[in-house]
Amino acid sequence: MSEPGSLIRARSGRSAAANFHSFIINEIGAGIVSGRFPVGSILPRDAELMDMYGVSRTVLREALKTLEAKGLVEARPKVGTRVSPRSRWALFDQQVLLWHFEAGLDPVFVGYLFDVRRLLELETVRLAAKLRTADHIRMLYYWLQQMSVSRGMADSFALATLELHRVLADAAQNPMLRAALGVTEFTLAAAMPEGEGRDDDSFYETAVVKRRNLVQSVEAGKVAEAEACLIEAIAVDFSSTQARMAGAPSPGAR
């Protein structure tokens, strides 16, 4: 199972699997999402997969059960293991999102994620502005400071930003909103400029300013203002993501 932050760290390359079970899940899961094992196709027989990946039948069967639980495959008697329609995939699952990220940024899929993020986080900031505590505000300012000192270091900056949004979700006191943070993480990972050391890229400064305005609005309990600040922050991320997908520098980069 992927941990929070794994999508962001994937920007620097896939991390090694912890064991054979994780390895086979990642290999087949990524193969399905990337289209190497197309929707509707039958996976190779067990013996072939065991030979292909160098794992035992027990490890393979457990991995296929995990993939079935994520909605990616369906085992059928006398037929084999079929790749399920995409409509059945657990698209909020952290690992499934990771495989989508590793397969490359698809503009349509990314657009859907930003739409969902906008809906979820608007409710998050509405509740956070009403229910935040002094501890929440303290932690929001802490992660805001971490964002500021991480400018130019894309992964560190994205992780600090994710933590800020996690605190907002905690302040909202709705566990379902916190559980959906994988969507936010994907879009943050997609928005980060390529390369390190570019603290002159105005993306970083703009992102910090928009979050500072958001935190101040939540602290003041101004719901409508917090909503407007969030929309502006997401717009910055979306613009940067579009530029990245188009192969252009981030908006404002010098």
C-alpha atoms as a PDB file:
ATOM      1  CA  MET A   1       0.000   0.000   0.000  1.00  0.00           C
ATOM      2  CA  SER A   2       1.331   3.447  -0.903  1.00  0.00           C
ATOM      3  CA  GLU A   3       1.944   5.940   1.880  1.00  0.00           C
ATOM      4  CA  PRO A   4       0.987   9.636   1.812  1.00  0.00           C
ATOM      5  CA  GLY A   5       3.704  11.483  -0.093  1.00  0.00           C
ATOM      6  CA  SER A   6       4.471   8.536  -2.395  1.00  0.00           C
ATOM      7  CA  LEU A   7       2.973  10.317  -5.403  1.00  0.00           C
ATOM      8  CA  ILE A   8       5.171  13.339  -4.822  1.00  0.00           C
ATOM      9  CA  ARG A   9       8.269  11.213  -4.310  1.00  0.00           C
ATOM     10  CA  ALA A  10       7.447   9.382  -7.563  1.00  0.00           C
ATOM     11  CA  ARG A  11       8.527  12.552  -9.393  1.00  0.00           C
ATOM     12  CA  SER A  12      12.106  11.458  -8.650  1.00  0.00           C
ATOM     13  CA  GLY A  13      11.567   7.886  -9.876  1.00  0.00           C
ATOM     14  CA  ARG A  14       9.768   4.802  -8.596  1.00  0.00           C
ATOM     15  CA  SER A  15      10.927   3.570  -5.187  1.00  0.00           C
ATOM     16  CA  ALA A  16      11.946  -0.056  -4.759  1.00  0.00           C
ATOM     17  CA  ALA A  17       9.192  -2.456  -3.684  1.00  0.00           C
ATOM     18  CA  ALA A  18       9.384  -3.555  -0.055  1.00  0.00           C
ATOM     19  CA  ASN A  19       8.838  -7.262  -0.880  1.00  0.00           C
ATOM     20  CA  PHE A  20       7.823  -9.646  -3.671  1.00  0.00           C
ATOM     21  CA  HIS A  21       4.133  -9.128  -2.905  1.00  0.00           C
ATOM     22  CA  SER A  22       4.440  -5.357  -3.346  1.00  0.00           C
ATOM     23  CA  PHE A  23       6.617  -5.848  -6.410  1.00  0.00           C
ATOM     24  CA  ILE A  24       4.111  -7.985  -8.292  1.00  0.00           C
ATOM     25  CA  ILE A  25       1.185  -5.707  -7.346  1.00  0.00           C
ATOM     26  CA  ASN A  26       3.095  -2.688  -8.643  1.00  0.00           C
ATOM     27  CA  GLU A  27       4.225  -4.387 -11.837  1.00  0.00           C
ATOM     28  CA  ILE A  28       0.823  -5.720 -12.864  1.00  0.00           C
ATOM     29  CA  GLY A  29      -1.107  -2.702 -11.556  1.00  0.00           C
ATOM     30  CA  ALA A  30       1.131  -0.250 -13.414  1.00  0.00           C
ATOM     31  CA  GLY A  31       0.878  -2.470 -16.502  1.00  0.00           C
ATOM     32  CA  ILE A  32      -2.910  -2.302 -16.409  1.00  0.00           C
ATOM     33  CA  VAL A  33      -3.102   1.462 -15.888  1.00  0.00           C
ATOM     34  CA  SER A  34      -0.510   2.150 -18.591  1.00  0.00           C
ATOM     35  CA  GLY A  35      -2.381  -0.042 -21.073  1.00  0.00           C
ATOM     36  CA  ARG A  36       0.259  -2.757 -21.338  1.00  0.00           C
ATOM     37  CA  PHE A  37      -2.488  -5.092 -20.134  1.00  0.00           C
ATOM     38  CA  PRO A  38      -5.502  -3.527 -21.905  1.00  0.00           C
ATOM     39  CA  VAL A  39      -9.013  -3.308 -20.465  1.00  0.00           C
ATOM     40  CA  GLY A  40     -10.924  -6.469 -21.341  1.00  0.00           C
ATOM     41  CA  SER A  41      -7.820  -8.550 -21.977  1.00  0.00           C
ATOM     42  CA  ILE A  42      -6.963 -11.766 -20.141  1.00  0.00           C
ATOM     43  CA  LEU A  43      -3.762 -11.687 -18.140  1.00  0.00           C
ATOM     44  CA  PRO A  44      -1.147 -14.317 -18.986  1.00  0.00           C
ATOM     45  CA  ARG A  45      -1.569 -17.650 -17.219  1.00  0.00           C
ATOM     46  CA  ASP A  46      -0.217 -18.056 -13.688  1.00  0.00           C
ATOM     47  CA  ALA A  47       2.799 -20.070 -14.812  1.00  0.00           C
ATOM     48  CA  GLU A  48       3.748 -17.394 -17.337  1.00  0.00           C
ATOM     49  CA  LEU A  49       3.385 -14.574 -14.811  1.00  0.00           C
ATOM     50  CA  MET A  50       5.378 -16.540 -12.225  1.00  0.00           C
ATOM     51  CA  ASP A  51       8.184 -16.969 -14.741  1.00  0.00           C
ATOM     52  CA  MET A  52       7.915 -13.360 -15.965  1.00  0.00           C
ATOM     53  CA  TYR A  53       8.268 -11.836 -12.490  1.00  0.00           C
ATOM     54  CA  GLY A  54      10.155 -14.577 -10.663  1.00  0.00           C
ATOM     55  CA  VAL A  55       7.601 -15.085  -7.893  1.00  0.00           C
ATOM     56  CA  SER A  56       5.824 -18.069  -6.356  1.00  0.00           C
ATOM     57  CA  ARG A  57       2.231 -19.046  -7.046  1.00  0.00           C
ATOM     58  CA  THR A  58       1.255 -17.994  -3.497  1.00  0.00           C
ATOM     59  CA  VAL A  59       2.723 -14.503  -3.943  1.00  0.00           C
ATOM     60  CA  LEU A  60       1.093 -14.165  -7.357  1.00  0.00           C
ATOM     61  CA  ARG A  61      -2.344 -15.240  -6.136  1.00  0.00           C
ATOM     62  CA  GLU A  62      -2.218 -12.840  -3.165  1.00  0.00           C
ATOM     63  CA  ALA A  63      -1.190  -9.998  -5.481  1.00  0.00           C
ATOM     64  CA  LEU A  64      -4.054 -10.745  -7.875  1.00  0.00           C
ATOM     65  CA  LYS A  65      -6.493 -10.728  -4.928  1.00  0.00           C
ATOM     66  CA  THR A  66      -5.230  -7.275  -3.964  1.00  0.00           C
ATOM     67  CA  LEU A  67      -5.650  -6.018  -7.529  1.00  0.00           C
ATOM     68  CA  GLU A  68      -9.152  -7.509  -7.624  1.00  0.00           C
ATOM     69  CA  ALA A  69     -10.009  -5.633  -4.415  1.00  0.00           C
ATOM     70  CA  LYS A  70      -8.908  -2.415  -6.157  1.00  0.00           C
ATOM     71  CA  GLY A  71     -11.281  -3.217  -9.017  1.00  0.00           C
ATOM     72  CA  LEU A  72      -8.574  -3.646 -11.657  1.00  0.00           C
ATOM     73  CA  VAL A  73      -9.092  -7.341 -12.408  1.00  0.00           C
ATOM     74  CA  GLU A  74     -11.722 -10.031 -12.103  1.00  0.00           C
ATOM     75  CA  ALA A  75     -10.982 -13.750 -11.817  1.00  0.00           C
ATOM     76  CA  ARG A  76     -13.338 -15.944 -13.861  1.00  0.00           C
ATOM     77  CA  PRO A  77     -13.480 -19.751 -13.716  1.00  0.00           C
ATOM     78  CA  LYS A  78     -12.243 -21.431 -16.911  1.00  0.00           C
ATOM     79  CA  VAL A  79     -11.486 -18.003 -18.385  1.00  0.00           C
ATOM     80  CA  GLY A  80      -8.664 -16.563 -16.320  1.00  0.00           C
ATOM     81  CA  THR A  81      -8.036 -13.133 -14.837  1.00  0.00           C
ATOM     82  CA  ARG A  82      -9.598 -10.385 -16.946  1.00  0.00           C
ATOM     83  CA  VAL A  83      -8.716  -6.694 -16.758  1.00  0.00           C
ATOM     84  CA  SER A  84     -11.844  -4.889 -15.558  1.00  0.00           C
ATOM     85  CA  PRO A  85     -13.455  -1.839 -17.208  1.00  0.00           C
ATOM     86  CA  ARG A  86     -11.999   1.420 -15.955  1.00  0.00           C
ATOM     87  CA  SER A  87     -15.378   2.334 -14.443  1.00  0.00           C
ATOM     88  CA  ARG A  88     -14.757  -0.350 -11.798  1.00  0.00           C
ATOM     89  CA  TRP A  89     -11.307   0.830 -10.776  1.00  0.00           C
ATOM     90  CA  ALA A  90     -10.870   2.319  -7.297  1.00  0.00           C
ATOM     91  CA  LEU A  91      -9.641   5.634  -8.644  1.00  0.00           C
ATOM     92  CA  PHE A  92      -9.312   7.255  -5.203  1.00  0.00           C
ATOM     93  CA  ASP A  93      -6.970   4.463  -4.090  1.00  0.00           C
ATOM     94  CA  GLN A  94      -3.501   5.891  -3.403  1.00  0.00           C
ATOM     95  CA  GLN A  95      -1.750   3.141  -5.344  1.00  0.00           C
ATOM     96  CA  VAL A  96      -4.053   3.417  -8.345  1.00  0.00           C
ATOM     97  CA  LEU A  97      -3.431   7.169  -8.421  1.00  0.00           C
ATOM     98  CA  LEU A  98       0.312   6.502  -8.210  1.00  0.00           C
ATOM     99  CA  TRP A  99       0.151   4.177 -11.221  1.00  0.00           C
ATOM    100  CA  HIS A 100      -1.730   6.839 -13.179  1.00  0.00           C
ATOM    101  CA  PHE A 101       0.956   9.376 -12.286  1.00  0.00           C
ATOM    102  CA  GLU A 102       3.768   7.038 -13.322  1.00  0.00           C
ATOM    103  CA  ALA A 103       2.004   6.294 -16.623  1.00  0.00           C
ATOM    104  CA  GLY A 104       2.212   9.988 -17.577  1.00  0.00           C
ATOM    105  CA  LEU A 105      -0.086  12.957 -17.118  1.00  0.00           C
ATOM    106  CA  ASP A 106      -3.248  12.475 -19.151  1.00  0.00           C
ATOM    107  CA  PRO A 107      -4.912  15.919 -19.590  1.00  0.00           C
ATOM    108  CA  VAL A 108      -8.455  14.550 -19.340  1.00  0.00           C
ATOM    109  CA  PHE A 109      -7.762  12.506 -16.202  1.00  0.00           C
ATOM    110  CA  VAL A 110      -5.862  15.401 -14.604  1.00  0.00           C
ATOM    111  CA  GLY A 111      -8.787  17.717 -15.365  1.00  0.00           C
ATOM    112  CA  TYR A 112     -11.175  15.330 -13.615  1.00  0.00           C
ATOM    113  CA  LEU A 113      -8.924  15.259 -10.549  1.00  0.00           C
ATOM    114  CA  PHE A 114      -8.767  19.049 -10.335  1.00  0.00           C
ATOM    115  CA  ASP A 115     -12.578  19.181 -10.583  1.00  0.00           C
ATOM    116  CA  VAL A 116     -12.929  16.708  -7.714  1.00  0.00           C
ATOM    117  CA  ARG A 117     -10.250  18.451  -5.658  1.00  0.00           C
ATOM    118  CA  ARG A 118     -12.048  21.779  -6.053  1.00  0.00           C
ATOM    119  CA  LEU A 119     -15.348  20.324  -4.820  1.00  0.00           C
ATOM    120  CA  LEU A 120     -13.823  18.501  -1.860  1.00  0.00           C
ATOM    121  CA  GLU A 121     -11.524  21.270  -0.713  1.00  0.00           C
ATOM    122  CA  LEU A 122     -14.212  23.931  -0.888  1.00  0.00           C
ATOM    123  CA  GLU A 123     -16.140  21.922   1.696  1.00  0.00           C
ATOM    124  CA  THR A 124     -12.902  21.435   3.627  1.00  0.00           C
ATOM    125  CA  VAL A 125     -12.171  25.148   3.981  1.00  0.00           C
ATOM    126  CA  ARG A 126     -15.819  25.947   4.790  1.00  0.00           C
ATOM    127  CA  LEU A 127     -15.684  23.575   7.739  1.00  0.00           C
ATOM    128  CA  ALA A 128     -12.125  24.487   8.709  1.00  0.00           C
ATOM    129  CA  ALA A 129     -13.010  28.192   8.931  1.00  0.00           C
ATOM    130  CA  LYS A 130     -15.789  27.279  11.373  1.00  0.00           C
ATOM    131  CA  LEU A 131     -14.179  24.480  13.384  1.00  0.00           C
ATOM    132  CA  ARG A 132     -10.435  25.231  13.464  1.00  0.00           C
ATOM    133  CA  THR A 133      -8.636  25.275  16.798  1.00  0.00           C
ATOM    134  CA  ALA A 134      -5.559  27.179  17.937  1.00  0.00           C
ATOM    135  CA  ASP A 135      -3.464  24.042  17.366  1.00  0.00           C
ATOM    136  CA  HIS A 136      -4.704  23.798  13.780  1.00  0.00           C
ATOM    137  CA  ILE A 137      -3.778  27.415  13.126  1.00  0.00           C
ATOM    138  CA  ARG A 138      -0.340  26.904  14.673  1.00  0.00           C
ATOM    139  CA  MET A 139       0.323  23.918  12.422  1.00  0.00           C
ATOM    140  CA  LEU A 140      -0.985  25.739   9.338  1.00  0.00           C
ATOM    141  CA  TYR A 141       1.518  28.543   9.903  1.00  0.00           C
ATOM    142  CA  TYR A 142       4.285  26.009  10.542  1.00  0.00           C
ATOM    143  CA  TRP A 143       3.733  24.290   7.176  1.00  0.00           C
ATOM    144  CA  LEU A 144       3.339  27.641   5.478  1.00  0.00           C
ATOM    145  CA  GLN A 145       6.816  28.504   6.755  1.00  0.00           C
ATOM    146  CA  GLN A 146       8.139  25.148   5.511  1.00  0.00           C
ATOM    147  CA  MET A 147       6.732  25.945   2.080  1.00  0.00           C
ATOM    148  CA  SER A 148       8.492  29.289   2.126  1.00  0.00           C
ATOM    149  CA  VAL A 149      11.912  27.858   3.001  1.00  0.00           C
ATOM    150  CA  SER A 150      11.514  25.022   0.436  1.00  0.00           C
ATOM    151  CA  ARG A 151      11.083  27.254  -2.601  1.00  0.00           C
ATOM    152  CA  GLY A 152      13.114  25.857  -5.476  1.00  0.00           C
ATOM    153  CA  MET A 153      13.058  22.321  -4.026  1.00  0.00           C
ATOM    154  CA  ALA A 154      10.035  20.864  -5.799  1.00  0.00           C
ATOM    155  CA  ASP A 155       9.515  17.677  -3.783  1.00  0.00           C
ATOM    156  CA  SER A 156      10.050  19.322  -0.391  1.00  0.00           C
ATOM    157  CA  PHE A 157       7.801  22.198  -1.373  1.00  0.00           C
ATOM    158  CA  ALA A 158       5.045  19.831  -2.535  1.00  0.00           C
ATOM    159  CA  LEU A 159       5.281  17.732   0.647  1.00  0.00           C
ATOM    160  CA  ALA A 160       5.009  20.838   2.835  1.00  0.00           C
ATOM    161  CA  THR A 161       2.017  22.008   0.791  1.00  0.00           C
ATOM    162  CA  LEU A 162       0.377  18.595   1.162  1.00  0.00           C
ATOM    163  CA  GLU A 163       0.855  18.771   4.933  1.00  0.00           C
ATOM    164  CA  LEU A 164      -0.808  22.192   4.993  1.00  0.00           C
ATOM    165  CA  HIS A 165      -3.815  20.768   3.169  1.00  0.00           C
ATOM    166  CA  ARG A 166      -3.826  17.774   5.528  1.00  0.00           C
ATOM    167  CA  VAL A 167      -4.094  20.134   8.512  1.00  0.00           C
ATOM    168  CA  LEU A 168      -6.991  21.904   6.800  1.00  0.00           C
ATOM    169  CA  ALA A 169      -8.706  18.518   6.395  1.00  0.00           C
ATOM    170  CA  ASP A 170      -8.065  17.737  10.069  1.00  0.00           C
ATOM    171  CA  ALA A 171      -9.527  21.115  11.025  1.00  0.00           C
ATOM    172  CA  ALA A 172     -12.661  20.301   9.007  1.00  0.00           C
ATOM    173  CA  GLN A 173     -13.197  17.330  11.365  1.00  0.00           C
ATOM    174  CA  ASN A 174     -14.609  15.144   8.599  1.00  0.00           C
ATOM    175  CA  PRO A 175     -12.534  11.957   8.147  1.00  0.00           C
ATOM    176  CA  MET A 176     -13.903  11.420   4.633  1.00  0.00           C
ATOM    177  CA  LEU A 177     -12.303  14.658   3.456  1.00  0.00           C
ATOM    178  CA  ARG A 178      -8.956  13.606   4.918  1.00  0.00           C
ATOM    179  CA  ALA A 179      -9.253  10.186   3.279  1.00  0.00           C
ATOM    180  CA  ALA A 180      -9.500  11.832  -0.152  1.00  0.00           C
ATOM    181  CA  LEU A 181      -6.183  13.692   0.150  1.00  0.00           C
ATOM    182  CA  GLY A 182      -4.680  11.435  -2.509  1.00  0.00           C
ATOM    183  CA  VAL A 183      -6.487  13.575  -5.084  1.00  0.00           C
ATOM    184  CA  THR A 184      -4.849  16.711  -3.695  1.00  0.00           C
ATOM    185  CA  GLU A 185      -1.460  14.996  -3.615  1.00  0.00           C
ATOM    186  CA  PHE A 186      -1.703  13.949  -7.265  1.00  0.00           C
ATOM    187  CA  THR A 187      -2.501  17.484  -8.390  1.00  0.00           C
ATOM    188  CA  LEU A 188       0.275  18.974  -6.247  1.00  0.00           C
ATOM    189  CA  ALA A 189       2.809  16.503  -7.666  1.00  0.00           C
ATOM    190  CA  ALA A 190       1.634  17.369 -11.175  1.00  0.00           C
ATOM    191  CA  ALA A 191       1.897  21.109 -10.527  1.00  0.00           C
ATOM    192  CA  MET A 192       5.501  21.201  -9.327  1.00  0.00           C
ATOM    193  CA  PRO A 193       8.034  22.716 -11.755  1.00  0.00           C
ATOM    194  CA  GLU A 194      10.607  20.327 -13.189  1.00  0.00           C
ATOM    195  CA  GLY A 195      14.111  20.482 -11.736  1.00  0.00           C
ATOM    196  CA  GLU A 196      15.500  21.713  -8.450  1.00  0.00           C
ATOM    197  CA  GLY A 197      17.112  24.934  -7.356  1.00  0.00           C
ATOM    198  CA  ARG A 198      14.869  27.296  -9.311  1.00  0.00           C
ATOM    199  CA  ASP A 199      13.765  29.486  -6.419  1.00  0.00           C
ATOM    200  CA  ASP A 200      13.414  32.344  -8.907  1.00  0.00           C
ATOM    201  CA  ASP A 201      10.413  30.556 -10.444  1.00  0.00           C
ATOM    202  CA  SER A 202       7.479  32.770  -9.461  1.00  0.00           C
ATOM    203  CA  PHE A 203       5.279  29.676  -9.108  1.00  0.00           C
ATOM    204  CA  TYR A 204       6.715  29.130  -5.634  1.00  0.00           C
ATOM    205  CA  GLU A 205       6.181  32.686  -4.455  1.00  0.00           C
ATOM    206  CA  THR A 206       2.642  32.811  -5.848  1.00  0.00           C
ATOM    207  CA  ALA A 207       1.753  29.468  -4.265  1.00  0.00           C
ATOM    208  CA  VAL A 208       3.014  30.638  -0.870  1.00  0.00           C
ATOM    209  CA  VAL A 209       1.122  33.951  -1.084  1.00  0.00           C
ATOM    210  CA  LYS A 210      -2.145  32.217  -2.024  1.00  0.00           C
ATOM    211  CA  ARG A 211      -1.804  29.751   0.881  1.00  0.00           C
ATOM    212  CA  ARG A 212      -0.927  32.542   3.299  1.00  0.00           C
ATOM    213  CA  ASN A 213      -4.117  34.351   2.312  1.00  0.00           C
ATOM    214  CA  LEU A 214      -6.033  31.101   2.736  1.00  0.00           C
ATOM    215  CA  VAL A 215      -4.614  30.410   6.198  1.00  0.00           C
ATOM    216  CA  GLN A 216      -5.328  33.958   7.349  1.00  0.00           C
ATOM    217  CA  SER A 217      -8.929  33.677   6.151  1.00  0.00           C
ATOM    218  CA  VAL A 218      -9.411  30.352   7.942  1.00  0.00           C
ATOM    219  CA  GLU A 219      -7.863  31.805  11.096  1.00  0.00           C
ATOM    220  CA  ALA A 220     -10.277  34.757  10.944  1.00  0.00           C
ATOM    221  CA  GLY A 221     -13.245  32.457  10.365  1.00  0.00           C
ATOM    222  CA  LYS A 222     -14.139  34.178   7.101  1.00  0.00           C
ATOM    223  CA  VAL A 223     -15.765  31.376   5.135  1.00  0.00           C
ATOM    224  CA  ALA A 224     -16.455  33.169   1.840  1.00  0.00           C
ATOM    225  CA  GLU A 225     -12.982  34.701   1.804  1.00  0.00           C
ATOM    226  CA  ALA A 226     -11.381  31.310   2.508  1.00  0.00           C
ATOM    227  CA  GLU A 227     -13.330  29.788  -0.395  1.00  0.00           C
ATOM    228  CA  ALA A 228     -12.118  32.506  -2.749  1.00  0.00           C
ATOM    229  CA  CYS A 229      -8.511  32.078  -1.593  1.00  0.00           C
ATOM    230  CA  LEU A 230      -8.709  28.328  -2.138  1.00  0.00           C
ATOM    231  CA  ILE A 231     -10.031  28.768  -5.675  1.00  0.00           C
ATOM    232  CA  GLU A 232      -7.088  31.063  -6.417  1.00  0.00           C
ATOM    233  CA  ALA A 233      -4.582  28.578  -4.955  1.00  0.00           C
ATOM    234  CA  ILE A 234      -5.989  25.699  -7.008  1.00  0.00           C
ATOM    235  CA  ALA A 235      -5.951  27.892 -10.128  1.00  0.00           C
ATOM    236  CA  VAL A 236      -2.203  28.435  -9.644  1.00  0.00           C
ATOM    237  CA  ASP A 237      -1.651  24.671  -9.399  1.00  0.00           C
ATOM    238  CA  PHE A 238      -3.820  23.972 -12.434  1.00  0.00           C
ATOM    239  CA  SER A 239      -2.063  26.585 -14.558  1.00  0.00           C
ATOM    240  CA  SER A 240       1.338  25.150 -13.645  1.00  0.00           C
ATOM    241  CA  THR A 241       0.125  21.612 -14.414  1.00  0.00           C
ATOM    242  CA  GLN A 242      -1.176  22.673 -17.823  1.00  0.00           C
ATOM    243  CA  ALA A 243       2.170  24.280 -18.606  1.00  0.00           C
ATOM    244  CA  ARG A 244       3.991  21.129 -17.543  1.00  0.00           C
ATOM    245  CA  MET A 245       1.787  18.918 -19.718  1.00  0.00           C
ATOM    246  CA  ALA A 246       2.368  21.255 -22.655  1.00  0.00           C
ATOM    247  CA  GLY A 247       6.107  21.098 -22.079  1.00  0.00           C
ATOM    248  CA  ALA A 248       6.342  24.819 -21.359  1.00  0.00           C
ATOM    249  CA  PRO A 249       7.958  26.557 -18.367  1.00  0.00           C
ATOM    250  CA  SER A 250       5.715  27.187 -15.382  1.00  0.00           C
ATOM    251  CA  PRO A 251       3.741  30.429 -15.712  1.00  0.00           C
ATOM    252  CA  GLY A 252       5.900  33.253 -14.446  1.00  0.00           C
ATOM    253  CA  ALA A 253       9.179  31.305 -14.603  1.00  0.00           C
ATOM    254  CA  ARG A 254      12.170  33.445 -15.430  1.00  0.00           C
END
